[in-house]
C-alpha cells in the first residue's frame, strides 16, 4: 500500500470566501508618463516568489512614514494563458511571522510603485530595480469583464502585455532586463524601443 500523501491529483481545490477575482490589464512603457518622476510619491515593494508554488512574500515600505506592510499572497490564473483574470488571496503578517517565512526569500523582484491617474482611471506604474532596471509596467484594474474588455490602451503605453506570460511576476523573477530586450527584439525587430534606462 502506498503512502497517503497529498499530490496535485488528489488535492481538492476548495472555493474560499477570502479569495477574490482580480481583473487587470498590463502595459509596457518606454518611460514614465508625463507628470511622474522617480521622486514622485511611491511605495517600495520587495516580492519573493516561493519556488514551485503559487505563493509570494511581499514587503511594502511607505517612504514618507517609514511604515511597512507584510503579506503572504497566493495568486494564480484559473484559466491557462489568461493572465487578465487571477484569483488572489492575501494574508497580512506580523513582523515576527514574516521573519519566520523569510527563509523563503531568494527569488526577489524589487520595484517602486507609483499611483497615477489618466483620464479618470487609476493606474499603478511599476519601475523595476536591480536586474530588471529599465523595465516600466503600468496596470489597471476592472470590476467587470465587460469593462476590462472594452478598455483601450492608454496613449502613454507602448505595448499591451496582459496576455504575455513573460511579464507576469513569476516569470519576471527568472529574467533580466537584457533578456527581455533581446526577446522583444526577436519578436518584433525593435529591441531599442523598449526598456530604456530611465
Protein backbone atom coordinates (compact mmCIF):
# COMPACT_ATOMS: atom_id res chain seq x y z
CA UNK A 1 0.00 0.00 0.00
CA UNK A 2 1.39 3.39 -0.99
CA UNK A 3 1.84 6.24 1.42
CA UNK A 4 -1.14 8.56 1.83
CA UNK A 5 0.43 11.85 0.78
CA UNK A 6 -1.07 14.94 -0.84
CA UNK A 7 -0.39 15.22 -4.57
CA UNK A 8 -1.66 17.51 -7.30
CA UNK A 9 -4.12 14.88 -8.49
CA UNK A 10 -5.66 14.15 -5.05
CA UNK A 11 -5.77 17.67 -3.63
CA UNK A 12 -9.16 19.38 -3.55
CA UNK A 13 -9.33 22.93 -4.86
CA UNK A 14 -11.67 24.46 -2.31
CA UNK A 15 -13.51 27.70 -3.02
CA UNK A 16 -12.55 30.30 -0.43
CA UNK A 17 -14.61 33.25 0.73
CA UNK A 18 -11.29 35.02 1.32
CA UNK A 19 -10.16 34.77 -2.30
CA UNK A 20 -11.22 37.32 -4.89
CA UNK A 21 -11.06 37.68 -8.64
CA UNK A 22 -8.64 40.31 -9.91
CA UNK A 23 -9.18 41.71 -13.40
CA UNK A 24 -6.18 43.62 -14.71
CA UNK A 25 -4.61 44.74 -17.94
CA UNK A 26 -0.88 45.41 -18.13
CA UNK A 27 1.15 47.64 -20.43
CA UNK A 28 4.82 48.13 -21.23
CA UNK A 29 6.05 51.74 -21.10
CA UNK A 30 9.09 53.35 -22.72
CA UNK A 31 9.30 55.98 -19.98
CA UNK A 32 7.38 57.36 -17.04
CA UNK A 33 4.12 59.05 -18.02
CA UNK A 34 4.15 62.84 -18.15
CA UNK A 35 3.73 64.23 -14.64
CA UNK A 36 5.66 61.43 -12.92
CA UNK A 37 9.33 61.40 -11.94
CA UNK A 38 11.33 58.91 -9.91
CA UNK A 39 10.97 61.30 -6.97
CA UNK A 40 7.15 61.31 -7.16
CA UNK A 41 5.21 59.72 -4.31
CA UNK A 42 5.57 55.94 -4.38
CA UNK A 43 5.87 52.79 -2.30
CA UNK A 44 8.79 50.37 -2.34
CA UNK A 45 7.99 46.70 -2.98
CA UNK A 46 10.02 43.52 -2.47
CA UNK A 47 8.38 40.40 -3.93
CA UNK A 48 9.80 36.96 -3.19
CA UNK A 49 8.34 34.11 -5.25
CA UNK A 50 8.44 30.76 -3.48
CA UNK A 51 9.80 28.17 -5.91
CA UNK A 52 7.33 25.63 -7.31
CA UNK A 53 4.34 27.30 -5.64
CA UNK A 54 1.77 30.00 -6.40
CA UNK A 55 2.87 31.87 -3.28
CA UNK A 56 4.59 35.23 -2.92
CA UNK A 57 6.01 37.01 0.11
CA UNK A 58 5.64 40.77 -0.22
CA UNK A 59 7.15 43.62 1.78
CA UNK A 60 5.83 47.12 1.11
CA UNK A 61 7.59 50.14 2.57
CA UNK A 62 5.98 53.59 2.63
CA UNK A 63 8.95 56.01 2.50
CA UNK A 64 7.04 59.02 3.84
CA UNK A 65 6.03 57.26 7.07
CA UNK A 66 8.71 54.52 7.16
CA UNK A 67 5.93 52.03 7.82
CA UNK A 68 5.79 48.51 6.41
CA UNK A 69 3.05 46.18 5.16
CA UNK A 70 3.90 42.48 5.11
CA UNK A 71 1.83 39.78 3.45
CA UNK A 72 1.75 36.29 2.04
CA UNK A 73 -0.16 36.07 -1.23
CA UNK A 74 -1.45 33.24 -3.35
CA UNK A 75 -2.14 34.37 -6.91
CA UNK A 76 -2.90 32.28 -9.96
CA UNK A 77 -4.73 32.34 -13.27
CA UNK A 78 -7.61 29.82 -13.16
CA UNK A 79 -7.54 29.57 -16.95
CA UNK A 80 -4.18 28.82 -18.56
CA UNK A 81 -2.83 31.69 -20.67
CA UNK A 82 -5.50 34.16 -19.48
CA UNK A 83 -3.41 36.39 -17.23
CA UNK A 84 -6.03 39.17 -17.18
CA UNK A 85 -8.09 37.26 -14.61
CA UNK A 86 -6.42 35.91 -11.49
CA UNK A 87 -7.58 34.57 -8.14
CA UNK A 88 -5.80 36.28 -5.26
CA UNK A 89 -5.78 35.61 -1.52
CA UNK A 90 -3.82 37.80 0.90
CA UNK A 91 -2.77 37.06 4.47
CA UNK A 92 -1.32 40.03 6.33
CA UNK A 93 1.63 39.18 8.53
CA UNK A 94 3.24 40.50 11.68
CA UNK A 95 6.96 41.26 11.63
CA UNK A 96 7.59 38.02 13.53
CA UNK A 97 5.53 35.94 11.12
CA UNK A 98 7.32 37.49 8.16
CA UNK A 99 10.68 36.76 9.78
CA UNK A 100 9.75 33.08 10.14
CA UNK A 101 8.70 32.90 6.48
CA UNK A 102 11.73 34.86 5.27
CA UNK A 103 13.57 31.55 4.87
CA UNK A 104 11.77 31.52 1.50
CA UNK A 105 13.37 34.78 0.35
CA UNK A 106 15.65 34.47 -2.64
CA UNK A 107 13.65 34.78 -5.86
CA UNK A 108 13.19 38.50 -5.47
CA UNK A 109 11.85 41.34 -7.58
CA UNK A 110 12.28 44.91 -6.36
CA UNK A 111 10.25 47.79 -7.70
CA UNK A 112 8.84 51.19 -6.89
CA UNK A 113 5.10 51.60 -7.44
CA UNK A 114 3.64 54.98 -8.33
CA UNK A 115 -0.08 55.85 -8.26
CA UNK A 116 -1.10 57.57 -11.49
CA UNK A 117 -4.42 58.83 -12.81
CA UNK A 118 -5.12 59.12 -16.53
CA UNK A 119 -8.47 60.21 -17.97
CA UNK A 120 -10.22 59.42 -14.69
CA UNK A 121 -8.75 55.92 -14.36
CA UNK A 122 -6.32 54.79 -11.65
CA UNK A 123 -3.11 53.06 -12.74
CA UNK A 124 -0.17 51.59 -10.86
CA UNK A 125 3.15 52.35 -12.53
CA UNK A 126 5.90 49.87 -11.57
CA UNK A 127 9.51 50.93 -12.06
CA UNK A 128 11.69 47.83 -11.64
CA UNK A 129 15.07 47.85 -9.94
CA UNK A 130 18.10 45.55 -9.82
CA UNK A 131 18.47 43.13 -12.72
CA UNK A 132 15.21 44.43 -14.25
CA UNK A 133 16.41 48.05 -14.28
CA UNK A 134 14.78 49.91 -17.18
CA UNK A 135 11.54 47.91 -17.16
CA UNK A 136 8.41 50.01 -16.56
CA UNK A 137 4.94 48.46 -16.46
CA UNK A 138 1.53 50.03 -15.93
CA UNK A 139 -1.50 48.11 -14.76
CA UNK A 140 -5.11 49.00 -14.13
CA UNK A 141 -7.96 47.02 -12.52
CA UNK A 142 -11.58 46.49 -13.51
CA UNK A 143 -14.77 45.49 -11.74
CA UNK A 144 -16.32 43.52 -14.64
CA UNK A 145 -15.19 41.53 -17.66
CA UNK A 146 -17.13 43.87 -19.94
CA UNK A 147 -15.36 46.93 -18.58
CA UNK A 148 -11.99 45.25 -18.96
CA UNK A 149 -12.59 44.01 -22.49
CA UNK A 150 -13.84 47.36 -23.80
CA UNK A 151 -10.85 49.31 -22.43
CA UNK A 152 -8.39 50.68 -24.99
CA UNK A 153 -4.65 51.02 -24.45
CA UNK A 154 -3.73 54.42 -22.94
CA UNK A 155 -1.70 56.84 -25.04
CA UNK A 156 1.27 56.76 -22.64
CA UNK A 157 1.74 52.99 -23.13
CA UNK A 158 3.93 51.40 -25.82
CA UNK A 159 2.65 47.82 -25.87
CA UNK A 160 -0.02 45.73 -24.16
CA UNK A 161 1.49 42.72 -22.39
CA UNK A 162 -1.54 41.45 -20.44
CA UNK A 163 -1.54 38.08 -22.18
CA UNK A 164 2.24 37.67 -22.22
CA UNK A 165 3.50 35.25 -19.57
CA UNK A 166 6.96 36.86 -19.74
CA UNK A 167 5.53 39.90 -17.93
CA UNK A 168 3.96 38.01 -15.02
CA UNK A 169 5.76 38.27 -11.68
CA UNK A 170 6.51 34.56 -11.50
CA UNK A 171 8.30 34.75 -14.86
CA UNK A 172 9.97 38.15 -14.42
CA UNK A 173 11.78 36.86 -11.34
CA UNK A 174 13.68 34.49 -13.65
CA UNK A 175 14.70 37.16 -16.19
CA UNK A 176 16.93 40.21 -16.59
CA UNK A 177 16.19 43.41 -18.49
CA UNK A 178 18.72 42.38 -21.14
CA UNK A 179 16.92 39.07 -21.69
CA UNK A 180 13.59 40.87 -22.06
CA UNK A 181 15.12 43.36 -24.52
CA UNK A 182 16.55 40.52 -26.56
CA UNK A 183 13.23 38.63 -26.62
CA UNK A 184 11.30 41.73 -27.67
CA UNK A 185 13.89 42.32 -30.37
CA UNK A 186 13.50 38.78 -31.67
CA UNK A 187 9.73 39.12 -31.75
CA UNK A 188 9.40 42.50 -33.41
CA UNK A 189 12.79 43.69 -34.63
CA UNK A 190 12.61 46.80 -32.45
CA UNK A 191 14.76 45.99 -29.48
CA UNK A 192 15.88 49.59 -28.95
CA UNK A 193 12.36 50.93 -28.45
CA UNK A 194 11.75 49.33 -25.05
CA UNK A 195 13.33 49.18 -21.60
CA UNK A 196 15.39 52.32 -21.95
CA UNK A 197 17.32 53.50 -18.93
CA UNK A 198 15.03 55.97 -17.16
